[in-house]
Amino acid sequence: MPQRGWRPYLQTGLWVRDHLLKVGKDYVYRMWKLFNEFLEANGMPPVTYKSFRNYIYLLKKNGLIVPIARTPSSKGGFYRTWYTINPALVNDPRWNNPLASIYPYARLGGKRYYKVR
């Protein structure tokens, strides 16, 4: 049975970092497919494309990954944006939690945020 909920031993940001270090450059759809294969191989439920795309946006906003090229998609009408890792930030702690580095109160969670506020 697949494990549900938070995965303490797996962080999406670290997987993306290791993947981009291994392959050099990649686009979001392919990374999402490979990440879901990895999750299913480890008995965990897959993530949606939208949530994975949002995570890539957070990594990009933090400067951890950078777009290097745009190529036409095989489907037509869309462009693929190819990303690579920012070499200056390979060991940056923001890989662990890119959301909290942009929104510091995200570390608290909803209930604790309202107590602080």
PDB file of N, CA and C in Angstrom:
ATOM      1  N   MET A   1       0.840  -1.182   0.000  1.00  0.00           N
ATOM      2  CA  MET A   1       0.000   0.000   0.000  1.00  0.00           C
ATOM      3  C   MET A   1       0.884   1.244   0.000  1.00  0.00           C
ATOM      4  N   PRO A   2       0.579   2.224  -0.845  1.00  0.00           N
ATOM      5  CA  PRO A   2       1.401   3.431  -0.888  1.00  0.00           C
ATOM      6  C   PRO A   2       1.307   4.242   0.393  1.00  0.00           C
ATOM      7  N   GLN A   3       2.421   4.843   0.744  1.00  0.00           N
ATOM      8  CA  GLN A   3       2.460   5.687   1.926  1.00  0.00           C
ATOM      9  C   GLN A   3       1.869   7.046   1.590  1.00  0.00           C
ATOM     10  N   ARG A   4       1.042   7.562   2.469  1.00  0.00           N
ATOM     11  CA  ARG A   4       0.403   8.862   2.255  1.00  0.00           C
ATOM     12  C   ARG A   4       1.037   9.908   3.174  1.00  0.00           C
ATOM     13  N   GLY A   5       0.859  11.149   2.799  1.00  0.00           N
ATOM     14  CA  GLY A   5       1.306  12.231   3.668  1.00  0.00           C
ATOM     15  C   GLY A   5       2.728  12.666   3.400  1.00  0.00           C
ATOM     16  N   TRP A   6       3.296  13.356   4.369  1.00  0.00           N
ATOM     17  CA  TRP A   6       4.621  13.948   4.244  1.00  0.00           C
ATOM     18  C   TRP A   6       5.692  12.871   4.141  1.00  0.00           C
ATOM     19  N   ARG A   7       6.673  13.095   3.288  1.00  0.00           N
ATOM     20  CA  ARG A   7       7.756  12.140   3.077  1.00  0.00           C
ATOM     21  C   ARG A   7       9.024  12.694   3.717  1.00  0.00           C
ATOM     22  N   PRO A   8       9.333  12.332   4.962  1.00  0.00           N
ATOM     23  CA  PRO A   8      10.470  12.942   5.654  1.00  0.00           C
ATOM     24  C   PRO A   8      11.812  12.585   5.031  1.00  0.00           C
ATOM     25  N   TYR A   9      11.907  11.465   4.363  1.00  0.00           N
ATOM     26  CA  TYR A   9      13.187  11.035   3.806  1.00  0.00           C
ATOM     27  C   TYR A   9      13.329  11.407   2.336  1.00  0.00           C
ATOM     28  N   LEU A  10      12.365  12.142   1.790  1.00  0.00           N
ATOM     29  CA  LEU A  10      12.441  12.544   0.395  1.00  0.00           C
ATOM     30  C   LEU A  10      12.043  13.996   0.267  1.00  0.00           C
ATOM     31  N   GLN A  11      12.920  14.794  -0.322  1.00  0.00           N
ATOM     32  CA  GLN A  11      12.606  16.196  -0.556  1.00  0.00           C
ATOM     33  C   GLN A  11      12.680  16.451  -2.044  1.00  0.00           C
ATOM     34  N   THR A  12      11.642  17.043  -2.578  1.00  0.00           N
ATOM     35  CA  THR A  12      11.542  17.276  -4.016  1.00  0.00           C
ATOM     36  C   THR A  12      12.694  18.132  -4.516  1.00  0.00           C
ATOM     37  N   GLY A  13      13.037  19.177  -3.775  1.00  0.00           N
ATOM     38  CA  GLY A  13      14.120  20.057  -4.189  1.00  0.00           C
ATOM     39  C   GLY A  13      15.446  19.328  -4.327  1.00  0.00           C
ATOM     40  N   LEU A  14      15.729  18.444  -3.387  1.00  0.00           N
ATOM     41  CA  LEU A  14      16.982  17.682  -3.455  1.00  0.00           C
ATOM     42  C   LEU A  14      16.969  16.711  -4.624  1.00  0.00           C
ATOM     43  N   TRP A  15      15.793  16.134  -4.920  1.00  0.00           N
ATOM     44  CA  TRP A  15      15.707  15.244  -6.073  1.00  0.00           C
ATOM     45  C   TRP A  15      15.957  16.025  -7.360  1.00  0.00           C
ATOM     46  N   VAL A  16      15.362  17.209  -7.490  1.00  0.00           N
ATOM     47  CA  VAL A  16      15.561  18.032  -8.688  1.00  0.00           C
ATOM     48  C   VAL A  16      17.032  18.416  -8.812  1.00  0.00           C
ATOM     49  N   ARG A  17      17.654  18.804  -7.704  1.00  0.00           N
ATOM     50  CA  ARG A  17      19.076  19.168  -7.732  1.00  0.00           C
ATOM     51  C   ARG A  17      19.932  18.001  -8.199  1.00  0.00           C
ATOM     52  N   ASP A  18      19.724  16.837  -7.607  1.00  0.00           N
ATOM     53  CA  ASP A  18      20.518  15.669  -7.990  1.00  0.00           C
ATOM     54  C   ASP A  18      20.264  15.272  -9.441  1.00  0.00           C
ATOM     55  N   HIS A  19      19.017  15.380  -9.877  1.00  0.00           N
ATOM     56  CA  HIS A  19      18.688  15.032 -11.262  1.00  0.00           C
ATOM     57  C   HIS A  19      19.377  15.977 -12.244  1.00  0.00           C
ATOM     58  N   LEU A  20      19.313  17.284 -11.962  1.00  0.00           N
ATOM     59  CA  LEU A  20      19.939  18.245 -12.873  1.00  0.00           C
ATOM     60  C   LEU A  20      21.461  18.157 -12.831  1.00  0.00           C
ATOM     61  N   LEU A  21      22.019  17.786 -11.704  1.00  0.00           N
ATOM     62  CA  LEU A  21      23.467  17.556 -11.656  1.00  0.00           C
ATOM     63  C   LEU A  21      23.854  16.358 -12.514  1.00  0.00           C
ATOM     64  N   LYS A  22      22.974  15.363 -12.545  1.00  0.00           N
ATOM     65  CA  LYS A  22      23.264  14.148 -13.310  1.00  0.00           C
ATOM     66  C   LYS A  22      23.085  14.352 -14.811  1.00  0.00           C
ATOM     67  N   VAL A  23      21.990  14.999 -15.228  1.00  0.00           N
ATOM     68  CA  VAL A  23      21.703  15.116 -16.665  1.00  0.00           C
ATOM     69  C   VAL A  23      22.163  16.433 -17.278  1.00  0.00           C
ATOM     70  N   GLY A  24      22.381  17.461 -16.475  1.00  0.00           N
ATOM     71  CA  GLY A  24      22.832  18.739 -17.005  1.00  0.00           C
ATOM     72  C   GLY A  24      21.702  19.717 -17.256  1.00  0.00           C
ATOM     73  N   LYS A  25      20.734  19.354 -18.096  1.00  0.00           N
ATOM     74  CA  LYS A  25      19.586  20.214 -18.373  1.00  0.00           C
ATOM     75  C   LYS A  25      18.371  19.340 -18.635  1.00  0.00           C
ATOM     76  N   ASP A  26      17.201  19.901 -18.347  1.00  0.00           N
ATOM     77  CA  ASP A  26      15.968  19.144 -18.564  1.00  0.00           C
ATOM     78  C   ASP A  26      14.800  20.115 -18.550  1.00  0.00           C
ATOM     79  N   TYR A  27      13.634  19.642 -19.027  1.00  0.00           N
ATOM     80  CA  TYR A  27      12.420  20.454 -19.000  1.00  0.00           C
ATOM     81  C   TYR A  27      11.445  19.858 -17.989  1.00  0.00           C
ATOM     82  N   VAL A  28      10.467  20.653 -17.601  1.00  0.00           N
ATOM     83  CA  VAL A  28       9.615  20.327 -16.457  1.00  0.00           C
ATOM     84  C   VAL A  28       8.829  19.040 -16.658  1.00  0.00           C
ATOM     85  N   TYR A  29       8.226  18.848 -17.815  1.00  0.00           N
ATOM     86  CA  TYR A  29       7.386  17.671 -18.018  1.00  0.00           C
ATOM     87  C   TYR A  29       8.190  16.382 -17.862  1.00  0.00           C
ATOM     88  N   ARG A  30       9.378  16.374 -18.423  1.00  0.00           N
ATOM     89  CA  ARG A  30      10.210  15.165 -18.313  1.00  0.00           C
ATOM     90  C   ARG A  30      10.649  14.935 -16.864  1.00  0.00           C
ATOM     91  N   MET A  31      11.006  16.010 -16.159  1.00  0.00           N
ATOM     92  CA  MET A  31      11.385  15.858 -14.749  1.00  0.00           C
ATOM     93  C   MET A  31      10.212  15.325 -13.937  1.00  0.00           C
ATOM     94  N   TRP A  32       9.005  15.816 -14.229  1.00  0.00           N
ATOM     95  CA  TRP A  32       7.818  15.364 -13.512  1.00  0.00           C
ATOM     96  C   TRP A  32       7.583  13.871 -13.742  1.00  0.00           C
ATOM     97  N   LYS A  33       7.708  13.434 -15.002  1.00  0.00           N
ATOM     98  CA  LYS A  33       7.518  12.015 -15.312  1.00  0.00           C
ATOM     99  C   LYS A  33       8.535  11.149 -14.563  1.00  0.00           C
ATOM    100  N   LEU A  34       9.807  11.563 -14.597  1.00  0.00           N
ATOM    101  CA  LEU A  34      10.856  10.796 -13.921  1.00  0.00           C
ATOM    102  C   LEU A  34      10.674  10.806 -12.406  1.00  0.00           C
ATOM    103  N   PHE A  35      10.239  11.929 -11.860  1.00  0.00           N
ATOM    104  CA  PHE A  35      10.010  12.015 -10.417  1.00  0.00           C
ATOM    105  C   PHE A  35       8.874  11.088  -9.999  1.00  0.00           C
ATOM    106  N   ASN A  36       7.794  11.044 -10.786  1.00  0.00           N
ATOM    107  CA  ASN A  36       6.695  10.140 -10.466  1.00  0.00           C
ATOM    108  C   ASN A  36       7.115   8.677 -10.586  1.00  0.00           C
ATOM    109  N   GLU A  37       7.950   8.354 -11.559  1.00  0.00           N
ATOM    110  CA  GLU A  37       8.480   6.990 -11.652  1.00  0.00           C
ATOM    111  C   GLU A  37       9.288   6.646 -10.406  1.00  0.00           C
ATOM    112  N   PHE A  38      10.080   7.598  -9.947  1.00  0.00           N
ATOM    113  CA  PHE A  38      10.873   7.399  -8.736  1.00  0.00           C
ATOM    114  C   PHE A  38       9.968   7.173  -7.523  1.00  0.00           C
ATOM    115  N   LEU A  39       8.911   7.983  -7.412  1.00  0.00           N
ATOM    116  CA  LEU A  39       7.988   7.836  -6.288  1.00  0.00           C
ATOM    117  C   LEU A  39       7.288   6.482  -6.314  1.00  0.00           C
ATOM    118  N   GLU A  40       6.811   6.085  -7.480  1.00  0.00           N
ATOM    119  CA  GLU A  40       6.094   4.815  -7.581  1.00  0.00           C
ATOM    120  C   GLU A  40       7.024   3.633  -7.313  1.00  0.00           C
ATOM    121  N   ALA A  41       8.282   3.748  -7.723  1.00  0.00           N
ATOM    122  CA  ALA A  41       9.245   2.681  -7.453  1.00  0.00           C
ATOM    123  C   ALA A  41       9.505   2.534  -5.956  1.00  0.00           C
ATOM    124  N   ASN A  42       9.313   3.618  -5.194  1.00  0.00           N
ATOM    125  CA  ASN A  42       9.516   3.586  -3.750  1.00  0.00           C
ATOM    126  C   ASN A  42       8.209   3.448  -2.974  1.00  0.00           C
ATOM    127  N   GLY A  43       7.118   3.113  -3.686  1.00  0.00           N
ATOM    128  CA  GLY A  43       5.846   2.851  -3.022  1.00  0.00           C
ATOM    129  C   GLY A  43       5.114   4.087  -2.534  1.00  0.00           C
ATOM    130  N   MET A  44       5.353   5.229  -3.160  1.00  0.00           N
ATOM    131  CA  MET A  44       4.686   6.464  -2.751  1.00  0.00           C
ATOM    132  C   MET A  44       3.762   6.940  -3.861  1.00  0.00           C
ATOM    133  N   PRO A  45       2.724   7.696  -3.520  1.00  0.00           N
ATOM    134  CA  PRO A  45       1.789   8.172  -4.540  1.00  0.00           C
ATOM    135  C   PRO A  45       2.431   9.248  -5.418  1.00  0.00           C
ATOM    136  N   PRO A  46       2.015   9.335  -6.672  1.00  0.00           N
ATOM    137  CA  PRO A  46       2.581  10.359  -7.559  1.00  0.00           C
ATOM    138  C   PRO A  46       2.068  11.751  -7.206  1.00  0.00           C
ATOM    139  N   VAL A  47       2.798  12.756  -7.669  1.00  0.00           N
ATOM    140  CA  VAL A  47       2.382  14.144  -7.482  1.00  0.00           C
ATOM    141  C   VAL A  47       1.761  14.648  -8.783  1.00  0.00           C
ATOM    142  N   THR A  48       0.942  15.679  -8.692  1.00  0.00           N
ATOM    143  CA  THR A  48       0.325  16.227  -9.896  1.00  0.00           C
ATOM    144  C   THR A  48       1.326  17.112 -10.635  1.00  0.00           C
ATOM    145  N   TYR A  49       1.078  17.288 -11.919  1.00  0.00           N
ATOM    146  CA  TYR A  49       1.947  18.145 -12.720  1.00  0.00           C
ATOM    147  C   TYR A  49       1.902  19.576 -12.207  1.00  0.00           C
ATOM    148  N   LYS A  50       0.729  20.029 -11.822  1.00  0.00           N
ATOM    149  CA  LYS A  50       0.579  21.409 -11.337  1.00  0.00           C
ATOM    150  C   LYS A  50       1.406  21.652 -10.081  1.00  0.00           C
ATOM    151  N   SER A  51       1.378  20.726  -9.135  1.00  0.00           N
ATOM    152  CA  SER A  51       2.153  20.924  -7.908  1.00  0.00           C
ATOM    153  C   SER A  51       3.655  20.876  -8.196  1.00  0.00           C
ATOM    154  N   PHE A  52       4.063  19.982  -9.113  1.00  0.00           N
ATOM    155  CA  PHE A  52       5.482  19.909  -9.453  1.00  0.00           C
ATOM    156  C   PHE A  52       5.915  21.175 -10.181  1.00  0.00           C
ATOM    157  N   ARG A  53       5.066  21.697 -11.052  1.00  0.00           N
ATOM    158  CA  ARG A  53       5.373  22.931 -11.786  1.00  0.00           C
ATOM    159  C   ARG A  53       5.503  24.106 -10.820  1.00  0.00           C
ATOM    160  N   ASN A  54       4.639  24.162  -9.813  1.00  0.00           N
ATOM    161  CA  ASN A  54       4.738  25.216  -8.798  1.00  0.00           C
ATOM    162  C   ASN A  54       6.045  25.115  -8.028  1.00  0.00           C
ATOM    163  N   TYR A  55       6.484  23.897  -7.754  1.00  0.00           N
ATOM    164  CA  TYR A  55       7.746  23.704  -7.035  1.00  0.00           C
ATOM    165  C   TYR A  55       8.918  24.180  -7.884  1.00  0.00           C
ATOM    166  N   ILE A  56       8.870  23.902  -9.182  1.00  0.00           N
ATOM    167  CA  ILE A  56       9.917  24.380 -10.089  1.00  0.00           C
ATOM    168  C   ILE A  56       9.927  25.904 -10.107  1.00  0.00           C
ATOM    169  N   TYR A  57       8.737  26.525 -10.065  1.00  0.00           N
ATOM    170  CA  TYR A  57       8.658  27.977 -10.007  1.00  0.00           C
ATOM    171  C   TYR A  57       9.356  28.519  -8.762  1.00  0.00           C
ATOM    172  N   LEU A  58       9.153  27.865  -7.612  1.00  0.00           N
ATOM    173  CA  LEU A  58       9.806  28.301  -6.376  1.00  0.00           C
ATOM    174  C   LEU A  58      11.323  28.186  -6.489  1.00  0.00           C
ATOM    175  N   LEU A  59      11.801  27.090  -7.085  1.00  0.00           N
ATOM    176  CA  LEU A  59      13.248  26.926  -7.268  1.00  0.00           C
ATOM    177  C   LEU A  59      13.801  28.016  -8.187  1.00  0.00           C
ATOM    178  N   LYS A  60      13.045  28.331  -9.224  1.00  0.00           N
ATOM    179  CA  LYS A  60      13.459  29.374 -10.165  1.00  0.00           C
ATOM    180  C   LYS A  60      13.453  30.745  -9.487  1.00  0.00           C
ATOM    181  N   LYS A  61      12.434  31.032  -8.681  1.00  0.00           N
ATOM    182  CA  LYS A  61      12.343  32.316  -7.998  1.00  0.00           C
ATOM    183  C   LYS A  61      13.476  32.500  -6.992  1.00  0.00           C
ATOM    184  N   ASN A  62      13.927  31.409  -6.396  1.00  0.00           N
ATOM    185  CA  ASN A  62      15.065  31.450  -5.476  1.00  0.00           C
ATOM    186  C   ASN A  62      16.406  31.536  -6.204  1.00  0.00           C
ATOM    187  N   GLY A  63      16.398  31.346  -7.510  1.00  0.00           N
ATOM    188  CA  GLY A  63      17.646  31.395  -8.265  1.00  0.00           C
ATOM    189  C   GLY A  63      18.428  30.099  -8.239  1.00  0.00           C
ATOM    190  N   LEU A  64      17.814  29.026  -7.747  1.00  0.00           N
ATOM    191  CA  LEU A  64      18.504  27.743  -7.660  1.00  0.00           C
ATOM    192  C   LEU A  64      18.611  27.066  -9.017  1.00  0.00           C
ATOM    193  N   ILE A  65      17.611  27.262  -9.871  1.00  0.00           N
ATOM    194  CA  ILE A  65      17.682  26.773 -11.243  1.00  0.00           C
ATOM    195  C   ILE A  65      17.471  27.963 -12.174  1.00  0.00           C
ATOM    196  N   VAL A  66      18.048  27.877 -13.345  1.00  0.00           N
ATOM    197  CA  VAL A  66      17.937  28.972 -14.304  1.00  0.00           C
ATOM    198  C   VAL A  66      17.495  28.427 -15.654  1.00  0.00           C
ATOM    199  N   PRO A  67      16.607  29.157 -16.351  1.00  0.00           N
ATOM    200  CA  PRO A  67      16.220  28.728 -17.696  1.00  0.00           C
ATOM    201  C   PRO A  67      17.367  29.010 -18.667  1.00  0.00           C
ATOM    202  N   ILE A  68      17.625  28.043 -19.559  1.00  0.00           N
ATOM    203  CA  ILE A  68      18.733  28.242 -20.499  1.00  0.00           C
ATOM    204  C   ILE A  68      18.270  28.261 -21.947  1.00  0.00           C
ATOM    205  N   ALA A  69      17.126  27.683 -22.249  1.00  0.00           N
ATOM    206  CA  ALA A  69      16.665  27.647 -23.642  1.00  0.00           C
ATOM    207  C   ALA A  69      15.167  27.422 -23.683  1.00  0.00           C
ATOM    208  N   ARG A  70      14.565  27.826 -24.806  1.00  0.00           N
ATOM    209  CA  ARG A  70      13.158  27.536 -25.093  1.00  0.00           C
ATOM    210  C   ARG A  70      13.106  26.896 -26.466  1.00  0.00           C
ATOM    211  N   THR A  71      12.494  25.737 -26.534  1.00  0.00           N
ATOM    212  CA  THR A  71      12.371  25.037 -27.805  1.00  0.00           C
ATOM    213  C   THR A  71      10.910  24.717 -28.061  1.00  0.00           C
ATOM    214  N   PRO A  72      10.492  24.616 -29.322  1.00  0.00           N
ATOM    215  CA  PRO A  72       9.104  24.247 -29.605  1.00  0.00           C
ATOM    216  C   PRO A  72       8.812  22.827 -29.135  1.00  0.00           C
ATOM    217  N   SER A  73       7.623  22.633 -28.636  1.00  0.00           N
ATOM    218  CA  SER A  73       7.201  21.310 -28.180  1.00  0.00           C
ATOM    219  C   SER A  73       6.845  20.436 -29.376  1.00  0.00           C
ATOM    220  N   SER A  74       6.895  19.139 -29.179  1.00  0.00           N
ATOM    221  CA  SER A  74       6.494  18.214 -30.234  1.00  0.00           C
ATOM    222  C   SER A  74       4.984  18.272 -30.467  1.00  0.00           C
ATOM    223  N   LYS A  75       4.227  18.760 -29.486  1.00  0.00           N
ATOM    224  CA  LYS A  75       2.771  18.869 -29.605  1.00  0.00           C
ATOM    225  C   LYS A  75       2.355  20.105 -30.409  1.00  0.00           C
ATOM    226  N   GLY A  76       3.250  21.063 -30.533  1.00  0.00           N
ATOM    227  CA  GLY A  76       2.932  22.275 -31.276  1.00  0.00           C
ATOM    228  C   GLY A  76       2.204  23.289 -30.427  1.00  0.00           C
ATOM    229  N   GLY A  77       2.515  24.562 -30.633  1.00  0.00           N
ATOM    230  CA  GLY A  77       1.834  25.625 -29.912  1.00  0.00           C
ATOM    231  C   GLY A  77       2.453  25.984 -28.577  1.00  0.00           C
ATOM    232  N   PHE A  78       3.178  25.073 -27.977  1.00  0.00           N
ATOM    233  CA  PHE A  78       3.793  25.315 -26.676  1.00  0.00           C
ATOM    234  C   PHE A  78       5.313  25.298 -26.814  1.00  0.00           C
ATOM    235  N   TYR A  79       5.962  25.925 -25.866  1.00  0.00           N
ATOM    236  CA  TYR A  79       7.424  25.899 -25.835  1.00  0.00           C
ATOM    237  C   TYR A  79       7.892  25.193 -24.582  1.00  0.00           C
ATOM    238  N   ARG A  80       8.960  24.457 -24.719  1.00  0.00           N
ATOM    239  CA  ARG A  80       9.590  23.825 -23.573  1.00  0.00           C
ATOM    240  C   ARG A  80      10.677  24.761 -23.071  1.00  0.00           C
ATOM    241  N   THR A  81      10.683  24.990 -21.779  1.00  0.00           N
ATOM    242  CA  THR A  81      11.762  25.757 -21.173  1.00  0.00           C
ATOM    243  C   THR A  81      12.716  24.777 -20.522  1.00  0.00           C
ATOM    244  N   TRP A  82      13.955  24.823 -20.946  1.00  0.00           N
ATOM    245  CA  TRP A  82      14.989  23.945 -20.406  1.00  0.00           C
ATOM    246  C   TRP A  82      15.661  24.638 -19.233  1.00  0.00           C
ATOM    247  N   TYR A  83      15.844  23.892 -18.154  1.00  0.00           N
ATOM    248  CA  TYR A  83      16.449  24.433 -16.939  1.00  0.00           C
ATOM    249  C   TYR A  83      17.753  23.711 -16.637  1.00  0.00           C
ATOM    250  N   THR A  84      18.638  24.431 -15.989  1.00  0.00           N
ATOM    251  CA  THR A  84      19.855  23.839 -15.460  1.00  0.00           C
ATOM    252  C   THR A  84      20.070  24.397 -14.063  1.00  0.00           C
ATOM    253  N   ILE A  85      20.956  23.783 -13.338  1.00  0.00           N
ATOM    254  CA  ILE A  85      21.216  24.197 -11.973  1.00  0.00           C
ATOM    255  C   ILE A  85      22.142  25.414 -11.974  1.00  0.00           C
ATOM    256  N   ASN A  86      21.941  26.300 -11.020  1.00  0.00           N
ATOM    257  CA  ASN A  86      22.828  27.447 -10.857  1.00  0.00           C
ATOM    258  C   ASN A  86      24.095  26.942 -10.158  1.00  0.00           C
ATOM    259  N   PRO A  87      25.252  26.956 -10.835  1.00  0.00           N
ATOM    260  CA  PRO A  87      26.449  26.351 -10.249  1.00  0.00           C
ATOM    261  C   PRO A  87      26.900  27.010  -8.946  1.00  0.00           C
ATOM    262  N   ALA A  88      26.567  28.263  -8.745  1.00  0.00           N
ATOM    263  CA  ALA A  88      26.991  28.939  -7.518  1.00  0.00           C
ATOM    264  C   ALA A  88      26.164  28.513  -6.308  1.00  0.00           C
ATOM    265  N   LEU A  89      25.005  27.891  -6.541  1.00  0.00           N
ATOM    266  CA  LEU A  89      24.097  27.561  -5.435  1.00  0.00           C
ATOM    267  C   LEU A  89      23.840  26.060  -5.294  1.00  0.00           C
ATOM    268  N   VAL A  90      24.809  25.255  -5.640  1.00  0.00           N
ATOM    269  CA  VAL A  90      24.606  23.801  -5.574  1.00  0.00           C
ATOM    270  C   VAL A  90      24.377  23.329  -4.146  1.00  0.00           C
ATOM    271  N   ASN A  91      25.096  23.874  -3.191  1.00  0.00           N
ATOM    272  CA  ASN A  91      24.970  23.426  -1.796  1.00  0.00           C
ATOM    273  C   ASN A  91      24.202  24.413  -0.921  1.00  0.00           C
ATOM    274  N   ASP A  92      23.351  25.205  -1.525  1.00  0.00           N
ATOM    275  CA  ASP A  92      22.578  26.201  -0.793  1.00  0.00           C
ATOM    276  C   ASP A  92      21.510  25.521   0.066  1.00  0.00           C
ATOM    277  N   PRO A  93      21.277  25.995   1.289  1.00  0.00           N
ATOM    278  CA  PRO A  93      20.252  25.373   2.140  1.00  0.00           C
ATOM    279  C   PRO A  93      18.817  25.579   1.641  1.00  0.00           C
ATOM    280  N   ARG A  94      18.606  26.498   0.707  1.00  0.00           N
ATOM    281  CA  ARG A  94      17.251  26.730   0.191  1.00  0.00           C
ATOM    282  C   ARG A  94      16.724  25.548  -0.608  1.00  0.00           C
ATOM    283  N   TRP A  95      17.569  24.611  -1.008  1.00  0.00           N
ATOM    284  CA  TRP A  95      17.092  23.410  -1.701  1.00  0.00           C
ATOM    285  C   TRP A  95      16.162  22.607  -0.800  1.00  0.00           C
ATOM    286  N   ASN A  96      16.368  22.674   0.506  1.00  0.00           N
ATOM    287  CA  ASN A  96      15.547  21.904   1.440  1.00  0.00           C
ATOM    288  C   ASN A  96      14.124  22.429   1.549  1.00  0.00           C
ATOM    289  N   ASN A  97      13.952  23.751   1.495  1.00  0.00           N
ATOM    290  CA  ASN A  97      12.621  24.335   1.650  1.00  0.00           C
ATOM    291  C   ASN A  97      12.564  25.680   0.927  1.00  0.00           C
ATOM    292  N   PRO A  98      12.368  25.677  -0.393  1.00  0.00           N
ATOM    293  CA  PRO A  98      12.367  26.946  -1.122  1.00  0.00           C
ATOM    294  C   PRO A  98      11.179  27.844  -0.789  1.00  0.00           C
ATOM    295  N   LEU A  99      10.068  27.287  -0.357  1.00  0.00           N
ATOM    296  CA  LEU A  99       8.909  28.098  -0.003  1.00  0.00           C
ATOM    297  C   LEU A  99       9.201  28.958   1.224  1.00  0.00           C
ATOM    298  N   ALA A 100       9.845  28.382   2.223  1.00  0.00           N
ATOM    299  CA  ALA A 100      10.112  29.104   3.465  1.00  0.00           C
ATOM    300  C   ALA A 100      11.120  30.229   3.267  1.00  0.00           C
ATOM    301  N   SER A 101      11.984  30.124   2.266  1.00  0.00           N
ATOM    302  CA  SER A 101      12.933  31.208   2.036  1.00  0.00           C
ATOM    303  C   SER A 101      12.257  32.410   1.386  1.00  0.00           C
ATOM    304  N   ILE A 102      11.156  32.187   0.673  1.00  0.00           N
ATOM    305  CA  ILE A 102      10.412  33.294   0.071  1.00  0.00           C
ATOM    306  C   ILE A 102       9.369  33.833   1.046  1.00  0.00           C
ATOM    307  N   TYR A 103       8.665  32.924   1.703  1.00  0.00           N
ATOM    308  CA  TYR A 103       7.634  33.282   2.676  1.00  0.00           C
ATOM    309  C   TYR A 103       8.026  32.687   4.030  1.00  0.00           C
ATOM    310  N   PRO A 104       8.727  33.440   4.882  1.00  0.00           N
ATOM    311  CA  PRO A 104       9.264  32.884   6.132  1.00  0.00           C
ATOM    312  C   PRO A 104       8.206  32.281   7.062  1.00  0.00           C
ATOM    313  N   TYR A 105       6.986  32.800   7.046  1.00  0.00           N
ATOM    314  CA  TYR A 105       5.956  32.252   7.924  1.00  0.00           C
ATOM    315  C   TYR A 105       5.432  30.901   7.445  1.00  0.00           C
ATOM    316  N   ALA A 106       5.826  30.467   6.275  1.00  0.00           N
ATOM    317  CA  ALA A 106       5.391  29.163   5.773  1.00  0.00           C
ATOM    318  C   ALA A 106       5.941  28.032   6.629  1.00  0.00           C
ATOM    319  N   ARG A 107       7.035  28.268   7.322  1.00  0.00           N
ATOM    320  CA  ARG A 107       7.596  27.237   8.207  1.00  0.00           C
ATOM    321  C   ARG A 107       6.670  26.921   9.372  1.00  0.00           C
ATOM    322  N   LEU A 108       5.878  27.895   9.781  1.00  0.00           N
ATOM    323  CA  LEU A 108       5.045  27.729  10.963  1.00  0.00           C
ATOM    324  C   LEU A 108       3.842  26.841  10.732  1.00  0.00           C
ATOM    325  N   GLY A 109       3.267  26.887   9.555  1.00  0.00           N
ATOM    326  CA  GLY A 109       2.008  26.195   9.322  1.00  0.00           C
ATOM    327  C   GLY A 109       0.854  27.137   9.620  1.00  0.00           C
ATOM    328  N   GLY A 110      -0.320  26.783   9.165  1.00  0.00           N
ATOM    329  CA  GLY A 110      -1.473  27.672   9.261  1.00  0.00           C
ATOM    330  C   GLY A 110      -1.887  28.034  10.667  1.00  0.00           C
ATOM    331  N   LYS A 111      -2.035  27.069  11.552  1.00  0.00           N
ATOM    332  CA  LYS A 111      -2.539  27.349  12.893  1.00  0.00           C
ATOM    333  C   LYS A 111      -1.546  28.178  13.697  1.00  0.00           C
ATOM    334  N   ARG A 112      -0.265  27.833  13.622  1.00  0.00           N
ATOM    335  CA  ARG A 112       0.738  28.580  14.375  1.00  0.00           C
ATOM    336  C   ARG A 112       0.933  29.980  13.806  1.00  0.00           C
ATOM    337  N   TYR A 113       0.708  30.164  12.513  1.00  0.00           N
ATOM    338  CA  TYR A 113       0.837  31.504  11.915  1.00  0.00           C
ATOM    339  C   TYR A 113      -0.181  32.459  12.510  1.00  0.00           C
ATOM    340  N   TYR A 114      -1.403  32.000  12.698  1.00  0.00           N
ATOM    341  CA  TYR A 114      -2.434  32.880  13.238  1.00  0.00           C
ATOM    342  C   TYR A 114      -2.161  33.237  14.696  1.00  0.00           C
ATOM    343  N   LYS A 115      -1.479  32.373  15.444  1.00  0.00           N
ATOM    344  CA  LYS A 115      -1.110  32.702  16.827  1.00  0.00           C
ATOM    345  C   LYS A 115      -0.037  33.788  16.847  1.00  0.00           C
ATOM    346  N   VAL A 116       0.898  33.749  15.905  1.00  0.00           N
ATOM    347  CA  VAL A 116       1.962  34.742  15.831  1.00  0.00           C
ATOM    348  C   VAL A 116       1.406  36.073  15.359  1.00  0.00           C
ATOM    349  N   ARG A 117       0.514  36.016  14.428  1.00  0.00           N
ATOM    350  CA  ARG A 117      -0.074  37.217  13.848  1.00  0.00           C
ATOM    351  C   ARG A 117      -0.896  37.912  14.880  1.00  0.00           C
TER     352      ARG A 117
END
